Amino acid sequence: MEDLLQGLGWAAIILTALIGALAGWIAALIAGGHRGRYVAIGVASAVAVPVVLGLIGLSLLAVGGLLAVAAVALVGAGVVLVIAKLIFD
């Protein structure tokens, strides 16, 4: 995990946060209302999912680079946002 963060650095964290914010904003448009909550959940999940996958030993993120981290962040944010929609609404 440290290799992943050292290799990609702040660019990966900022990119995943932006992807999460965009995913949350789109989710709020589709679901309606609670834009702040969806954006916050999107950002948190987009940043957390690649970190969690790195912690459990999924080294493909380090090999795939920034594009792989971005794809995982997008999919992770989408899944968490769907779960949040089911829980909160």
PDB file of N, CA and C in Angstrom:
ATOM      1  N   MET A   1       0.824  -1.187   0.000  1.00  0.00           N
ATOM      2  CA  MET A   1       0.000   0.000   0.000  1.00  0.00           C
ATOM      3  C   MET A   1       0.861   1.240   0.000  1.00  0.00           C
ATOM      4  N   GLU A   2       1.941   1.242   0.756  1.00  0.00           N
ATOM      5  CA  GLU A   2       2.817   2.411   0.794  1.00  0.00           C
ATOM      6  C   GLU A   2       3.434   2.654  -0.575  1.00  0.00           C
ATOM      7  N   ASP A   3       3.742   1.567  -1.285  1.00  0.00           N
ATOM      8  CA  ASP A   3       4.292   1.724  -2.631  1.00  0.00           C
ATOM      9  C   ASP A   3       3.289   2.394  -3.554  1.00  0.00           C
ATOM     10  N   LEU A   4       2.025   2.043  -3.390  1.00  0.00           N
ATOM     11  CA  LEU A   4       0.985   2.638  -4.211  1.00  0.00           C
ATOM     12  C   LEU A   4       0.896   4.139  -3.963  1.00  0.00           C
ATOM     13  N   LEU A   5       0.849   4.529  -2.698  1.00  0.00           N
ATOM     14  CA  LEU A   5       0.740   5.952  -2.372  1.00  0.00           C
ATOM     15  C   LEU A   5       2.008   6.711  -2.726  1.00  0.00           C
ATOM     16  N   GLN A   6       3.169   6.088  -2.558  1.00  0.00           N
ATOM     17  CA  GLN A   6       4.409   6.753  -2.919  1.00  0.00           C
ATOM     18  C   GLN A   6       4.526   6.902  -4.424  1.00  0.00           C
ATOM     19  N   GLY A   7       4.118   5.876  -5.132  1.00  0.00           N
ATOM     20  CA  GLY A   7       4.227   5.914  -6.590  1.00  0.00           C
ATOM     21  C   GLY A   7       3.267   6.897  -7.234  1.00  0.00           C
ATOM     22  N   LEU A   8       2.067   6.952  -6.736  1.00  0.00           N
ATOM     23  CA  LEU A   8       1.056   7.814  -7.346  1.00  0.00           C
ATOM     24  C   LEU A   8       0.918   9.141  -6.625  1.00  0.00           C
ATOM     25  N   GLY A   9       1.111   9.136  -5.323  1.00  0.00           N
ATOM     26  CA  GLY A   9       1.127  10.362  -4.542  1.00  0.00           C
ATOM     27  C   GLY A   9      -0.193  11.085  -4.475  1.00  0.00           C
ATOM     28  N   TRP A  10      -0.066  12.388  -4.299  1.00  0.00           N
ATOM     29  CA  TRP A  10      -1.241  13.235  -4.117  1.00  0.00           C
ATOM     30  C   TRP A  10      -2.104  13.306  -5.362  1.00  0.00           C
ATOM     31  N   ALA A  11      -1.514  13.084  -6.512  1.00  0.00           N
ATOM     32  CA  ALA A  11      -2.303  13.125  -7.745  1.00  0.00           C
ATOM     33  C   ALA A  11      -3.419  12.091  -7.707  1.00  0.00           C
ATOM     34  N   ALA A  12      -3.125  10.905  -7.201  1.00  0.00           N
ATOM     35  CA  ALA A  12      -4.136   9.853  -7.117  1.00  0.00           C
ATOM     36  C   ALA A  12      -5.225  10.212  -6.123  1.00  0.00           C
ATOM     37  N   ILE A  13      -4.847  10.780  -4.997  1.00  0.00           N
ATOM     38  CA  ILE A  13      -5.838  11.134  -3.985  1.00  0.00           C
ATOM     39  C   ILE A  13      -6.745  12.250  -4.494  1.00  0.00           C
ATOM     40  N   ILE A  14      -6.146  13.250  -5.130  1.00  0.00           N
ATOM     41  CA  ILE A  14      -6.952  14.349  -5.669  1.00  0.00           C
ATOM     42  C   ILE A  14      -7.852  13.856  -6.793  1.00  0.00           C
ATOM     43  N   LEU A  15      -7.318  13.007  -7.672  1.00  0.00           N
ATOM     44  CA  LEU A  15      -8.126  12.478  -8.767  1.00  0.00           C
ATOM     45  C   LEU A  15      -9.290  11.644  -8.256  1.00  0.00           C
ATOM     46  N   THR A  16      -9.033  10.791  -7.273  1.00  0.00           N
ATOM     47  CA  THR A  16     -10.123   9.972  -6.747  1.00  0.00           C
ATOM     48  C   THR A  16     -11.166  10.825  -6.037  1.00  0.00           C
ATOM     49  N   ALA A  17     -10.736  11.868  -5.347  1.00  0.00           N
ATOM     50  CA  ALA A  17     -11.695  12.769  -4.693  1.00  0.00           C
ATOM     51  C   ALA A  17     -12.560  13.481  -5.733  1.00  0.00           C
ATOM     52  N   LEU A  18     -11.948  13.926  -6.816  1.00  0.00           N
ATOM     53  CA  LEU A  18     -12.723  14.572  -7.883  1.00  0.00           C
ATOM     54  C   LEU A  18     -13.694  13.600  -8.549  1.00  0.00           C
ATOM     55  N   ILE A  19     -13.250  12.377  -8.765  1.00  0.00           N
ATOM     56  CA  ILE A  19     -14.126  11.359  -9.340  1.00  0.00           C
ATOM     57  C   ILE A  19     -15.295  11.081  -8.403  1.00  0.00           C
ATOM     58  N   GLY A  20     -15.020  10.982  -7.115  1.00  0.00           N
ATOM     59  CA  GLY A  20     -16.079  10.750  -6.135  1.00  0.00           C
ATOM     60  C   GLY A  20     -17.065  11.898  -6.074  1.00  0.00           C
ATOM     61  N   ALA A  21     -16.559  13.137  -6.142  1.00  0.00           N
ATOM     62  CA  ALA A  21     -17.445  14.298  -6.133  1.00  0.00           C
ATOM     63  C   ALA A  21     -18.340  14.305  -7.372  1.00  0.00           C
ATOM     64  N   LEU A  22     -17.766  13.980  -8.506  1.00  0.00           N
ATOM     65  CA  LEU A  22     -18.558  13.915  -9.739  1.00  0.00           C
ATOM     66  C   LEU A  22     -19.590  12.796  -9.671  1.00  0.00           C
ATOM     67  N   ALA A  23     -19.187  11.644  -9.174  1.00  0.00           N
ATOM     68  CA  ALA A  23     -20.132  10.528  -9.039  1.00  0.00           C
ATOM     69  C   ALA A  23     -21.251  10.875  -8.067  1.00  0.00           C
ATOM     70  N   GLY A  24     -20.920  11.533  -6.974  1.00  0.00           N
ATOM     71  CA  GLY A  24     -21.944  11.951  -6.014  1.00  0.00           C
ATOM     72  C   GLY A  24     -22.887  12.982  -6.586  1.00  0.00           C
ATOM     73  N   TRP A  25     -22.346  13.920  -7.349  1.00  0.00           N
ATOM     74  CA  TRP A  25     -23.176  14.941  -7.977  1.00  0.00           C
ATOM     75  C   TRP A  25     -24.143  14.314  -8.991  1.00  0.00           C
ATOM     76  N   ILE A  26     -23.647  13.380  -9.795  1.00  0.00           N
ATOM     77  CA  ILE A  26     -24.502  12.687 -10.760  1.00  0.00           C
ATOM     78  C   ILE A  26     -25.554  11.857 -10.034  1.00  0.00           C
ATOM     79  N   ALA A  27     -25.164  11.197  -8.950  1.00  0.00           N
ATOM     80  CA  ALA A  27     -26.128  10.412  -8.169  1.00  0.00           C
ATOM     81  C   ALA A  27     -27.217  11.302  -7.601  1.00  0.00           C
ATOM     82  N   ALA A  28     -26.846  12.503  -7.151  1.00  0.00           N
ATOM     83  CA  ALA A  28     -27.840  13.434  -6.613  1.00  0.00           C
ATOM     84  C   ALA A  28     -28.797  13.896  -7.709  1.00  0.00           C
ATOM     85  N   LEU A  29     -28.281  14.097  -8.917  1.00  0.00           N
ATOM     86  CA  LEU A  29     -29.151  14.486 -10.029  1.00  0.00           C
ATOM     87  C   LEU A  29     -30.135  13.375 -10.374  1.00  0.00           C
ATOM     88  N   ILE A  30     -29.652  12.156 -10.372  1.00  0.00           N
ATOM     89  CA  ILE A  30     -30.505  11.014 -10.720  1.00  0.00           C
ATOM     90  C   ILE A  30     -31.506  10.716  -9.607  1.00  0.00           C
ATOM     91  N   ALA A  31     -31.015  10.688  -8.373  1.00  0.00           N
ATOM     92  CA  ALA A  31     -31.865  10.306  -7.245  1.00  0.00           C
ATOM     93  C   ALA A  31     -32.712  11.471  -6.746  1.00  0.00           C
ATOM     94  N   GLY A  32     -32.223  12.668  -6.950  1.00  0.00           N
ATOM     95  CA  GLY A  32     -32.948  13.843  -6.487  1.00  0.00           C
ATOM     96  C   GLY A  32     -32.637  14.166  -5.038  1.00  0.00           C
ATOM     97  N   GLY A  33     -32.345  15.441  -4.782  1.00  0.00           N
ATOM     98  CA  GLY A  33     -32.129  15.907  -3.413  1.00  0.00           C
ATOM     99  C   GLY A  33     -30.864  15.413  -2.763  1.00  0.00           C
ATOM    100  N   HIS A  34     -30.592  15.931  -1.577  1.00  0.00           N
ATOM    101  CA  HIS A  34     -29.471  15.514  -0.719  1.00  0.00           C
ATOM    102  C   HIS A  34     -28.136  15.556  -1.453  1.00  0.00           C
ATOM    103  N   ARG A  35     -27.915  16.610  -2.230  1.00  0.00           N
ATOM    104  CA  ARG A  35     -26.699  16.693  -3.037  1.00  0.00           C
ATOM    105  C   ARG A  35     -25.440  16.636  -2.174  1.00  0.00           C
ATOM    106  N   GLY A  36     -25.425  17.364  -1.073  1.00  0.00           N
ATOM    107  CA  GLY A  36     -24.244  17.375  -0.207  1.00  0.00           C
ATOM    108  C   GLY A  36     -23.912  16.001   0.344  1.00  0.00           C
ATOM    109  N   ARG A  37     -24.947  15.276   0.732  1.00  0.00           N
ATOM    110  CA  ARG A  37     -24.724  13.929   1.277  1.00  0.00           C
ATOM    111  C   ARG A  37     -24.156  13.005   0.212  1.00  0.00           C
ATOM    112  N   TYR A  38     -24.720  13.042  -0.994  1.00  0.00           N
ATOM    113  CA  TYR A  38     -24.235  12.173  -2.069  1.00  0.00           C
ATOM    114  C   TYR A  38     -22.799  12.521  -2.469  1.00  0.00           C
ATOM    115  N   VAL A  39     -22.486  13.811  -2.533  1.00  0.00           N
ATOM    116  CA  VAL A  39     -21.126  14.217  -2.888  1.00  0.00           C
ATOM    117  C   VAL A  39     -20.150  13.766  -1.802  1.00  0.00           C
ATOM    118  N   ALA A  40     -20.502  13.943  -0.539  1.00  0.00           N
ATOM    119  CA  ALA A  40     -19.624  13.523   0.558  1.00  0.00           C
ATOM    120  C   ALA A  40     -19.411  12.011   0.551  1.00  0.00           C
ATOM    121  N   ILE A  41     -20.473  11.269   0.339  1.00  0.00           N
ATOM    122  CA  ILE A  41     -20.349   9.805   0.282  1.00  0.00           C
ATOM    123  C   ILE A  41     -19.519   9.394  -0.925  1.00  0.00           C
ATOM    124  N   GLY A  42     -19.725  10.052  -2.050  1.00  0.00           N
ATOM    125  CA  GLY A  42     -18.950   9.748  -3.253  1.00  0.00           C
ATOM    126  C   GLY A  42     -17.465   9.989  -3.057  1.00  0.00           C
ATOM    127  N   VAL A  43     -17.120  11.124  -2.457  1.00  0.00           N
ATOM    128  CA  VAL A  43     -15.705  11.442  -2.223  1.00  0.00           C
ATOM    129  C   VAL A  43     -15.092  10.439  -1.246  1.00  0.00           C
ATOM    130  N   ALA A  44     -15.773  10.208  -0.140  1.00  0.00           N
ATOM    131  CA  ALA A  44     -15.238   9.285   0.872  1.00  0.00           C
ATOM    132  C   ALA A  44     -15.036   7.880   0.310  1.00  0.00           C
ATOM    133  N   SER A  45     -16.018   7.404  -0.432  1.00  0.00           N
ATOM    134  CA  SER A  45     -15.899   6.034  -0.948  1.00  0.00           C
ATOM    135  C   SER A  45     -14.880   5.944  -2.078  1.00  0.00           C
ATOM    136  N   ALA A  46     -14.795   6.966  -2.924  1.00  0.00           N
ATOM    137  CA  ALA A  46     -13.825   6.928  -4.019  1.00  0.00           C
ATOM    138  C   ALA A  46     -12.397   6.953  -3.508  1.00  0.00           C
ATOM    139  N   VAL A  47     -12.158   7.634  -2.408  1.00  0.00           N
ATOM    140  CA  VAL A  47     -10.820   7.660  -1.823  1.00  0.00           C
ATOM    141  C   VAL A  47     -10.561   6.385  -1.027  1.00  0.00           C
ATOM    142  N   ALA A  48     -11.574   5.888  -0.331  1.00  0.00           N
ATOM    143  CA  ALA A  48     -11.382   4.739   0.560  1.00  0.00           C
ATOM    144  C   ALA A  48     -11.253   3.410  -0.174  1.00  0.00           C
ATOM    145  N   VAL A  49     -11.995   3.208  -1.237  1.00  0.00           N
ATOM    146  CA  VAL A  49     -11.998   1.894  -1.898  1.00  0.00           C
ATOM    147  C   VAL A  49     -10.606   1.512  -2.424  1.00  0.00           C
ATOM    148  N   PRO A  50      -9.894   2.368  -3.155  1.00  0.00           N
ATOM    149  CA  PRO A  50      -8.533   1.965  -3.565  1.00  0.00           C
ATOM    150  C   PRO A  50      -7.594   1.726  -2.393  1.00  0.00           C
ATOM    151  N   VAL A  51      -7.749   2.506  -1.325  1.00  0.00           N
ATOM    152  CA  VAL A  51      -6.904   2.310  -0.146  1.00  0.00           C
ATOM    153  C   VAL A  51      -7.190   0.955   0.492  1.00  0.00           C
ATOM    154  N   VAL A  52      -8.461   0.620   0.644  1.00  0.00           N
ATOM    155  CA  VAL A  52      -8.836  -0.671   1.241  1.00  0.00           C
ATOM    156  C   VAL A  52      -8.341  -1.824   0.368  1.00  0.00           C
ATOM    157  N   LEU A  53      -8.509  -1.710  -0.945  1.00  0.00           N
ATOM    158  CA  LEU A  53      -8.026  -2.774  -1.830  1.00  0.00           C
ATOM    159  C   LEU A  53      -6.510  -2.913  -1.746  1.00  0.00           C
ATOM    160  N   GLY A  54      -5.815  -1.802  -1.614  1.00  0.00           N
ATOM    161  CA  GLY A  54      -4.369  -1.867  -1.437  1.00  0.00           C
ATOM    162  C   GLY A  54      -3.970  -2.512  -0.123  1.00  0.00           C
ATOM    163  N   LEU A  55      -4.746  -2.231   0.926  1.00  0.00           N
ATOM    164  CA  LEU A  55      -4.443  -2.801   2.235  1.00  0.00           C
ATOM    165  C   LEU A  55      -4.659  -4.309   2.275  1.00  0.00           C
ATOM    166  N   ILE A  56      -5.617  -4.806   1.506  1.00  0.00           N
ATOM    167  CA  ILE A  56      -5.844  -6.258   1.515  1.00  0.00           C
ATOM    168  C   ILE A  56      -4.922  -6.980   0.538  1.00  0.00           C
ATOM    169  N   GLY A  57      -4.050  -6.217  -0.121  1.00  0.00           N
ATOM    170  CA  GLY A  57      -3.018  -6.861  -0.922  1.00  0.00           C
ATOM    171  C   GLY A  57      -3.286  -6.923  -2.406  1.00  0.00           C
ATOM    172  N   LEU A  58      -4.216  -6.167  -2.888  1.00  0.00           N
ATOM    173  CA  LEU A  58      -4.481  -6.162  -4.328  1.00  0.00           C
ATOM    174  C   LEU A  58      -3.450  -5.265  -5.005  1.00  0.00           C
ATOM    175  N   SER A  59      -2.405  -5.871  -5.512  1.00  0.00           N
ATOM    176  CA  SER A  59      -1.282  -5.105  -6.058  1.00  0.00           C
ATOM    177  C   SER A  59      -1.515  -4.654  -7.495  1.00  0.00           C
ATOM    178  N   LEU A  60      -2.621  -5.030  -8.086  1.00  0.00           N
ATOM    179  CA  LEU A  60      -2.899  -4.606  -9.461  1.00  0.00           C
ATOM    180  C   LEU A  60      -3.034  -3.098  -9.570  1.00  0.00           C
ATOM    181  N   LEU A  61      -3.437  -2.440  -8.484  1.00  0.00           N
ATOM    182  CA  LEU A  61      -3.562  -0.991  -8.523  1.00  0.00           C
ATOM    183  C   LEU A  61      -2.215  -0.328  -8.741  1.00  0.00           C
ATOM    184  N   ALA A  62      -1.189  -0.854  -8.122  1.00  0.00           N
ATOM    185  CA  ALA A  62       0.142  -0.276  -8.283  1.00  0.00           C
ATOM    186  C   ALA A  62       0.664  -0.511  -9.695  1.00  0.00           C
ATOM    187  N   VAL A  63       0.343  -1.657 -10.255  1.00  0.00           N
ATOM    188  CA  VAL A  63       0.798  -1.982 -11.606  1.00  0.00           C
ATOM    189  C   VAL A  63       0.034  -1.160 -12.639  1.00  0.00           C
ATOM    190  N   GLY A  64      -1.271  -1.000 -12.413  1.00  0.00           N
ATOM    191  CA  GLY A  64      -2.103  -0.301 -13.383  1.00  0.00           C
ATOM    192  C   GLY A  64      -1.939   1.197 -13.383  1.00  0.00           C
ATOM    193  N   GLY A  65      -1.372   1.754 -12.335  1.00  0.00           N
ATOM    194  CA  GLY A  65      -1.120   3.174 -12.283  1.00  0.00           C
ATOM    195  C   GLY A  65      -2.352   3.997 -11.979  1.00  0.00           C
ATOM    196  N   LEU A  66      -2.285   5.235 -12.367  1.00  0.00           N
ATOM    197  CA  LEU A  66      -3.323   6.201 -12.051  1.00  0.00           C
ATOM    198  C   LEU A  66      -4.658   5.853 -12.696  1.00  0.00           C
ATOM    199  N   LEU A  67      -4.621   5.293 -13.892  1.00  0.00           N
ATOM    200  CA  LEU A  67      -5.852   4.914 -14.578  1.00  0.00           C
ATOM    201  C   LEU A  67      -6.583   3.797 -13.832  1.00  0.00           C
ATOM    202  N   ALA A  68      -5.848   2.829 -13.327  1.00  0.00           N
ATOM    203  CA  ALA A  68      -6.464   1.741 -12.564  1.00  0.00           C
ATOM    204  C   ALA A  68      -7.066   2.263 -11.262  1.00  0.00           C
ATOM    205  N   VAL A  69      -6.361   3.166 -10.595  1.00  0.00           N
ATOM    206  CA  VAL A  69      -6.884   3.746  -9.356  1.00  0.00           C
ATOM    207  C   VAL A  69      -8.162   4.526  -9.648  1.00  0.00           C
ATOM    208  N   ALA A  70      -8.169   5.288 -10.745  1.00  0.00           N
ATOM    209  CA  ALA A  70      -9.349   6.064 -11.117  1.00  0.00           C
ATOM    210  C   ALA A  70     -10.534   5.154 -11.432  1.00  0.00           C
ATOM    211  N   ALA A  71     -10.295   4.064 -12.143  1.00  0.00           N
ATOM    212  CA  ALA A  71     -11.375   3.133 -12.480  1.00  0.00           C
ATOM    213  C   ALA A  71     -11.938   2.474 -11.221  1.00  0.00           C
ATOM    214  N   VAL A  72     -11.070   2.059 -10.319  1.00  0.00           N
ATOM    215  CA  VAL A  72     -11.520   1.439  -9.075  1.00  0.00           C
ATOM    216  C   VAL A  72     -12.290   2.447  -8.235  1.00  0.00           C
ATOM    217  N   ALA A  73     -11.819   3.685  -8.209  1.00  0.00           N
ATOM    218  CA  ALA A  73     -12.510   4.731  -7.450  1.00  0.00           C
ATOM    219  C   ALA A  73     -13.905   4.976  -8.012  1.00  0.00           C
ATOM    220  N   LEU A  74     -14.028   5.009  -9.316  1.00  0.00           N
ATOM    221  CA  LEU A  74     -15.324   5.245  -9.950  1.00  0.00           C
ATOM    222  C   LEU A  74     -16.300   4.111  -9.660  1.00  0.00           C
ATOM    223  N   VAL A  75     -15.843   2.891  -9.826  1.00  0.00           N
ATOM    224  CA  VAL A  75     -16.713   1.743  -9.560  1.00  0.00           C
ATOM    225  C   VAL A  75     -17.057   1.668  -8.068  1.00  0.00           C
ATOM    226  N   GLY A  76     -16.071   1.863  -7.217  1.00  0.00           N
ATOM    227  CA  GLY A  76     -16.322   1.824  -5.768  1.00  0.00           C
ATOM    228  C   GLY A  76     -17.299   2.889  -5.325  1.00  0.00           C
ATOM    229  N   ALA A  77     -17.131   4.108  -5.837  1.00  0.00           N
ATOM    230  CA  ALA A  77     -18.055   5.185  -5.483  1.00  0.00           C
ATOM    231  C   ALA A  77     -19.460   4.870  -5.969  1.00  0.00           C
ATOM    232  N   GLY A  78     -19.567   4.324  -7.172  1.00  0.00           N
ATOM    233  CA  GLY A  78     -20.888   3.969  -7.697  1.00  0.00           C
ATOM    234  C   GLY A  78     -21.593   2.934  -6.842  1.00  0.00           C
ATOM    235  N   VAL A  79     -20.872   1.904  -6.451  1.00  0.00           N
ATOM    236  CA  VAL A  79     -21.464   0.847  -5.628  1.00  0.00           C
ATOM    237  C   VAL A  79     -21.899   1.399  -4.268  1.00  0.00           C
ATOM    238  N   VAL A  80     -21.040   2.174  -3.637  1.00  0.00           N
ATOM    239  CA  VAL A  80     -21.367   2.724  -2.322  1.00  0.00           C
ATOM    240  C   VAL A  80     -22.536   3.709  -2.428  1.00  0.00           C
ATOM    241  N   LEU A  81     -22.595   4.482  -3.497  1.00  0.00           N
ATOM    242  CA  LEU A  81     -23.708   5.421  -3.666  1.00  0.00           C
ATOM    243  C   LEU A  81     -25.036   4.697  -3.858  1.00  0.00           C
ATOM    244  N   VAL A  82     -25.025   3.587  -4.568  1.00  0.00           N
ATOM    245  CA  VAL A  82     -26.259   2.792  -4.714  1.00  0.00           C
ATOM    246  C   VAL A  82     -26.680   2.257  -3.355  1.00  0.00           C
ATOM    247  N   ILE A  83     -25.747   1.761  -2.579  1.00  0.00           N
ATOM    248  CA  ILE A  83     -26.069   1.255  -1.237  1.00  0.00           C
ATOM    249  C   ILE A  83     -26.602   2.395  -0.365  1.00  0.00           C
ATOM    250  N   ALA A  84     -25.976   3.563  -0.464  1.00  0.00           N
ATOM    251  CA  ALA A  84     -26.442   4.717   0.314  1.00  0.00           C
ATOM    252  C   ALA A  84     -27.859   5.113  -0.078  1.00  0.00           C
ATOM    253  N   LYS A  85     -28.157   5.066  -1.354  1.00  0.00           N
ATOM    254  CA  LYS A  85     -29.507   5.378  -1.840  1.00  0.00           C
ATOM    255  C   LYS A  85     -30.522   4.412  -1.241  1.00  0.00           C
ATOM    256  N   LEU A  86     -30.164   3.142  -1.194  1.00  0.00           N
ATOM    257  CA  LEU A  86     -31.076   2.146  -0.623  1.00  0.00           C
ATOM    258  C   LEU A  86     -31.264   2.342   0.872  1.00  0.00           C
ATOM    259  N   ILE A  87     -30.233   2.762   1.554  1.00  0.00           N
ATOM    260  CA  ILE A  87     -30.314   2.955   3.003  1.00  0.00           C
ATOM    261  C   ILE A  87     -31.060   4.226   3.362  1.00  0.00           C
ATOM    262  N   PHE A  88     -30.708   5.339   2.737  1.00  0.00           N
ATOM    263  CA  PHE A  88     -31.228   6.636   3.151  1.00  0.00           C
ATOM    264  C   PHE A  88     -32.598   6.981   2.576  1.00  0.00           C
ATOM    265  N   ASP A  89     -32.945   6.443   1.435  1.00  0.00           N
ATOM    266  CA  ASP A  89     -34.218   6.835   0.823  1.00  0.00           C
ATOM    267  C   ASP A  89     -35.233   5.723   0.805  1.00  0.00           C
TER     268      ASP A  89
END
